[in-house]
Amino acid sequence: MTSHCCETMDRQVSVTCDQHDDPFECADAVVTFSAKFQEYGLIIHDGGSSVLGISFCPWCGQRLPESQRDRWFDSLERLGIDPWSDEVPAEFEDDRWLGNHPKDRT
């Protein structure tokens, strides 16, 4: 489980709704977190899945982690996996890949 910068961010990225399974459909969900990419964003409630990436916590002001999106794709490429056409290993669907591949760490 990812530890976020403050209690408010913990609550915001964990919002659950009894009316909506998808946070992009729920007006109470305002922040999303991608564990596999280590990315935070503000949900744009326009009927789609748009997100405005953020670099600082809106509540405590702490700098948020750098995106790991490029490293994620680079790691899969080194393993010979094309994420657009091949099956992606389960460990790459969340943040486990960051701990399992020390050579990928910065």
C-alpha atoms as a PDB file:
ATOM      1  CA  MET A   1       0.000   0.000   0.000  1.00  0.00           C
ATOM      2  CA  THR A   2       1.269   3.435  -0.895  1.00  0.00           C
ATOM      3  CA  SER A   3       1.812   5.969   1.848  1.00  0.00           C
ATOM      4  CA  HIS A   4       0.663   9.400   0.726  1.00  0.00           C
ATOM      5  CA  CYS A   5       1.957  12.770   1.881  1.00  0.00           C
ATOM      6  CA  CYS A   6      -0.797  13.597   4.386  1.00  0.00           C
ATOM      7  CA  GLU A   7      -4.024  12.266   5.894  1.00  0.00           C
ATOM      8  CA  THR A   8      -6.163  14.409   3.608  1.00  0.00           C
ATOM      9  CA  MET A   9      -4.455  13.008   0.510  1.00  0.00           C
ATOM     10  CA  ASP A  10      -4.901   9.487   1.926  1.00  0.00           C
ATOM     11  CA  ARG A  11      -8.636  10.136   2.250  1.00  0.00           C
ATOM     12  CA  GLN A  12      -8.951  11.816  -1.143  1.00  0.00           C
ATOM     13  CA  VAL A  13      -7.310   9.044  -3.183  1.00  0.00           C
ATOM     14  CA  SER A  14      -9.355   6.447  -1.263  1.00  0.00           C
ATOM     15  CA  VAL A  15     -12.824   7.963  -1.757  1.00  0.00           C
ATOM     16  CA  THR A  16     -15.438   5.261  -2.235  1.00  0.00           C
ATOM     17  CA  CYS A  17     -18.995   5.840  -3.305  1.00  0.00           C
ATOM     18  CA  ASP A  18     -22.034   3.626  -2.879  1.00  0.00           C
ATOM     19  CA  GLN A  19     -23.507   5.013  -6.107  1.00  0.00           C
ATOM     20  CA  HIS A  20     -20.479   4.914  -8.442  1.00  0.00           C
ATOM     21  CA  ASP A  21     -17.925   2.148  -8.958  1.00  0.00           C
ATOM     22  CA  ASP A  22     -15.773   4.409 -11.124  1.00  0.00           C
ATOM     23  CA  PRO A  23     -14.255   7.470  -9.424  1.00  0.00           C
ATOM     24  CA  PHE A  24     -14.462   9.329 -12.756  1.00  0.00           C
ATOM     25  CA  GLU A  25     -18.260   9.123 -12.473  1.00  0.00           C
ATOM     26  CA  CYS A  26     -18.417  10.354  -8.858  1.00  0.00           C
ATOM     27  CA  ALA A  27     -18.373  14.102  -8.193  1.00  0.00           C
ATOM     28  CA  ASP A  28     -17.017  13.442  -4.673  1.00  0.00           C
ATOM     29  CA  ALA A  29     -13.816  11.914  -6.097  1.00  0.00           C
ATOM     30  CA  VAL A  30     -11.429  14.736  -6.962  1.00  0.00           C
ATOM     31  CA  VAL A  31      -7.959  13.129  -6.843  1.00  0.00           C
ATOM     32  CA  THR A  32      -6.695   9.981  -8.509  1.00  0.00           C
ATOM     33  CA  PHE A  33      -3.456   8.095  -7.903  1.00  0.00           C
ATOM     34  CA  SER A  34      -1.796   5.655 -10.282  1.00  0.00           C
ATOM     35  CA  ALA A  35       0.338   3.316  -8.167  1.00  0.00           C
ATOM     36  CA  LYS A  36       2.147   1.824 -11.160  1.00  0.00           C
ATOM     37  CA  PHE A  37       3.195   5.256 -12.462  1.00  0.00           C
ATOM     38  CA  GLN A  38       3.338   7.027  -9.062  1.00  0.00           C
ATOM     39  CA  GLU A  39       1.231   9.825 -10.553  1.00  0.00           C
ATOM     40  CA  TYR A  40      -1.357  12.044  -8.868  1.00  0.00           C
ATOM     41  CA  GLY A  41      -3.996  14.003 -10.707  1.00  0.00           C
ATOM     42  CA  LEU A  42      -7.164  16.010 -10.356  1.00  0.00           C
ATOM     43  CA  ILE A  43     -10.121  14.285 -11.987  1.00  0.00           C
ATOM     44  CA  ILE A  44     -11.796  16.314 -14.739  1.00  0.00           C
ATOM     45  CA  HIS A  45     -15.473  15.410 -14.467  1.00  0.00           C
ATOM     46  CA  ASP A  46     -16.380  15.794 -18.132  1.00  0.00           C
ATOM     47  CA  GLY A  47     -17.808  12.337 -18.729  1.00  0.00           C
ATOM     48  CA  GLY A  48     -14.456  10.816 -19.690  1.00  0.00           C
ATOM     49  CA  SER A  49     -11.274   9.799 -17.910  1.00  0.00           C
ATOM     50  CA  SER A  50      -9.341  13.068 -18.131  1.00  0.00           C
ATOM     51  CA  VAL A  51      -6.889  13.945 -15.372  1.00  0.00           C
ATOM     52  CA  LEU A  52      -4.859  17.075 -14.715  1.00  0.00           C
ATOM     53  CA  GLY A  53      -1.495  15.920 -13.341  1.00  0.00           C
ATOM     54  CA  ILE A  54      -0.299  17.615 -10.155  1.00  0.00           C
ATOM     55  CA  SER A  55       3.204  17.937  -8.703  1.00  0.00           C
ATOM     56  CA  PHE A  56       2.320  19.264  -5.247  1.00  0.00           C
ATOM     57  CA  CYS A  57      -0.292  18.208  -2.704  1.00  0.00           C
ATOM     58  CA  PRO A  58      -3.211  20.677  -2.724  1.00  0.00           C
ATOM     59  CA  TRP A  59      -3.615  20.250   1.056  1.00  0.00           C
ATOM     60  CA  CYS A  60      -0.155  20.082   2.644  1.00  0.00           C
ATOM     61  CA  GLY A  61       1.925  21.546  -0.196  1.00  0.00           C
ATOM     62  CA  GLN A  62       4.444  18.693  -0.214  1.00  0.00           C
ATOM     63  CA  ARG A  63       6.134  17.866  -3.516  1.00  0.00           C
ATOM     64  CA  LEU A  64       4.673  14.647  -4.892  1.00  0.00           C
ATOM     65  CA  PRO A  65       6.854  11.844  -6.307  1.00  0.00           C
ATOM     66  CA  GLU A  66       8.216  12.075  -9.825  1.00  0.00           C
ATOM     67  CA  SER A  67       6.252  10.101 -12.388  1.00  0.00           C
ATOM     68  CA  GLN A  68       7.632   6.635 -13.069  1.00  0.00           C
ATOM     69  CA  ARG A  69       5.758   6.270 -16.368  1.00  0.00           C
ATOM     70  CA  ASP A  70       8.897   6.318 -18.558  1.00  0.00           C
ATOM     71  CA  ARG A  71      10.700   3.833 -16.278  1.00  0.00           C
ATOM     72  CA  TRP A  72       7.641   1.553 -16.355  1.00  0.00           C
ATOM     73  CA  PHE A  73       7.709   1.394 -20.152  1.00  0.00           C
ATOM     74  CA  ASP A  74      11.531   1.081 -20.195  1.00  0.00           C
ATOM     75  CA  SER A  75      11.396  -1.816 -17.707  1.00  0.00           C
ATOM     76  CA  LEU A  76       8.843  -3.687 -19.787  1.00  0.00           C
ATOM     77  CA  GLU A  77      10.859  -3.057 -22.951  1.00  0.00           C
ATOM     78  CA  ARG A  78      13.992  -4.514 -21.299  1.00  0.00           C
ATOM     79  CA  LEU A  79      11.931  -7.617 -20.525  1.00  0.00           C
ATOM     80  CA  GLY A  80      10.818  -7.830 -24.164  1.00  0.00           C
ATOM     81  CA  ILE A  81       7.197  -7.011 -23.302  1.00  0.00           C
ATOM     82  CA  ASP A  82       5.084  -4.707 -25.452  1.00  0.00           C
ATOM     83  CA  PRO A  83       2.351  -3.393 -23.115  1.00  0.00           C
ATOM     84  CA  TRP A  84       0.088  -2.615 -26.085  1.00  0.00           C
ATOM     85  CA  SER A  85       0.053  -6.179 -27.437  1.00  0.00           C
ATOM     86  CA  ASP A  86       1.560  -8.526 -24.825  1.00  0.00           C
ATOM     87  CA  GLU A  87       0.249  -9.620 -21.459  1.00  0.00           C
ATOM     88  CA  VAL A  88       1.728  -7.377 -18.765  1.00  0.00           C
ATOM     89  CA  PRO A  89       2.879  -9.234 -15.607  1.00  0.00           C
ATOM     90  CA  ALA A  90       0.653  -8.607 -12.578  1.00  0.00           C
ATOM     91  CA  GLU A  91       3.502  -6.971 -10.645  1.00  0.00           C
ATOM     92  CA  PHE A  92       3.508  -4.168 -13.234  1.00  0.00           C
ATOM     93  CA  GLU A  93      -0.156  -3.311 -12.608  1.00  0.00           C
ATOM     94  CA  ASP A  94       0.660  -1.565  -9.300  1.00  0.00           C
ATOM     95  CA  ASP A  95       3.764  -0.340  -7.471  1.00  0.00           C
ATOM     96  CA  ARG A  96       5.302  -3.784  -6.845  1.00  0.00           C
ATOM     97  CA  TRP A  97       7.517  -3.460  -9.927  1.00  0.00           C
ATOM     98  CA  LEU A  98       9.355  -0.546  -8.278  1.00  0.00           C
ATOM     99  CA  GLY A  99      10.554  -2.735  -5.404  1.00  0.00           C
ATOM    100  CA  ASN A 100      11.227  -5.833  -7.456  1.00  0.00           C
ATOM    101  CA  HIS A 101      13.601  -4.251  -9.935  1.00  0.00           C
ATOM    102  CA  PRO A 102      16.465  -2.565  -8.062  1.00  0.00           C
ATOM    103  CA  LYS A 103      18.331  -1.790 -11.290  1.00  0.00           C
ATOM    104  CA  ASP A 104      15.372   0.412 -12.285  1.00  0.00           C
ATOM    105  CA  ARG A 105      15.604   2.604  -9.189  1.00  0.00           C
ATOM    106  CA  THR A 106      17.097   6.064  -9.468  1.00  0.00           C
END
